[in-house]
Protein backbone atom coordinates (compact mmCIF):
# COMPACT_ATOMS: atom_id res chain seq x y z
CA MET A 1 -0.02 0.10 0.03
CA PRO A 2 1.51 3.32 -0.98
CA VAL A 3 2.26 5.77 1.64
CA PRO A 4 0.97 9.40 0.98
CA GLY A 5 3.85 11.62 0.07
CA TYR A 6 6.29 8.67 -1.08
CA ASP A 7 6.77 7.83 -4.70
CA PRO A 8 6.75 3.91 -5.01
CA ASP A 9 9.39 4.22 -7.58
CA ASP A 10 11.73 6.02 -5.21
CA VAL A 11 11.27 3.32 -2.66
CA ASP A 12 12.04 0.75 -5.13
CA GLU A 13 15.13 2.48 -6.17
CA LEU A 14 16.31 2.75 -2.56
CA LEU A 15 15.57 -0.91 -1.91
CA GLU A 16 17.44 -1.97 -5.23
CA SER A 17 20.45 0.11 -4.10
CA LYS A 18 20.68 -1.56 -0.88
CA LEU A 19 19.66 -5.07 -1.84
CA SER A 20 20.94 -7.65 -4.33
CA GLU A 21 18.56 -8.83 -7.13
CA ALA A 22 18.86 -12.42 -5.73
CA LYS A 23 17.84 -11.26 -2.15
CA ILE A 24 14.72 -9.46 -3.75
CA ARG A 25 13.92 -12.32 -5.91
CA ASP A 26 14.11 -14.85 -3.02
CA GLN A 27 11.37 -12.87 -1.19
CA LEU A 28 8.90 -12.97 -4.12
CA SER A 29 6.82 -15.66 -5.93
CA GLU A 30 7.45 -16.06 -9.53
CA SER A 31 4.33 -14.23 -10.39
CA GLU A 32 5.19 -11.32 -8.14
CA TRP A 33 8.72 -11.31 -9.54
CA GLN A 34 7.25 -11.08 -13.05
CA SER A 35 4.89 -8.40 -12.22
CA TYR A 36 7.76 -6.32 -10.60
CA GLN A 37 9.91 -6.89 -13.66
CA ASP A 38 7.28 -5.86 -15.97
CA GLY A 39 6.54 -2.76 -13.78
CA GLU A 40 3.14 -3.63 -12.93
CA GLU A 41 3.66 -3.38 -9.13
CA PRO A 42 6.41 -1.86 -6.98
CA LEU A 43 8.20 -3.66 -4.37
CA ILE A 44 6.57 -1.75 -1.57
CA ASP A 45 3.24 -3.18 -2.70
CA LEU A 46 4.82 -6.84 -3.01
CA LEU A 47 6.76 -6.80 0.09
CA GLY A 48 5.36 -6.29 3.71
CA ASP A 49 7.09 -3.97 6.22
CA ASP A 50 8.52 -6.89 8.18
CA GLU A 51 9.95 -8.40 5.04
CA ILE A 52 11.62 -5.16 3.90
CA GLU A 53 13.06 -4.54 7.43
CA GLY A 54 14.26 -8.17 7.61
CA MET A 55 16.04 -7.76 4.21
CA LEU A 56 17.65 -4.63 5.41
CA GLY A 57 18.69 -6.13 8.57
CA LYS A 58 16.66 -3.80 10.85
């Protein structure tokens, strides 16, 4: 769910800069990965807060 005032593309870019593609892909199902790759859904919509924090080591 997008957060008002935040651009999902900016959040995706931040996550991509901090995480490897393999680490992101490990958290997504095949259909979610394809949707993300096709630009249909941003990572922030595909990953939960706990998943993002866990991936970033927080």
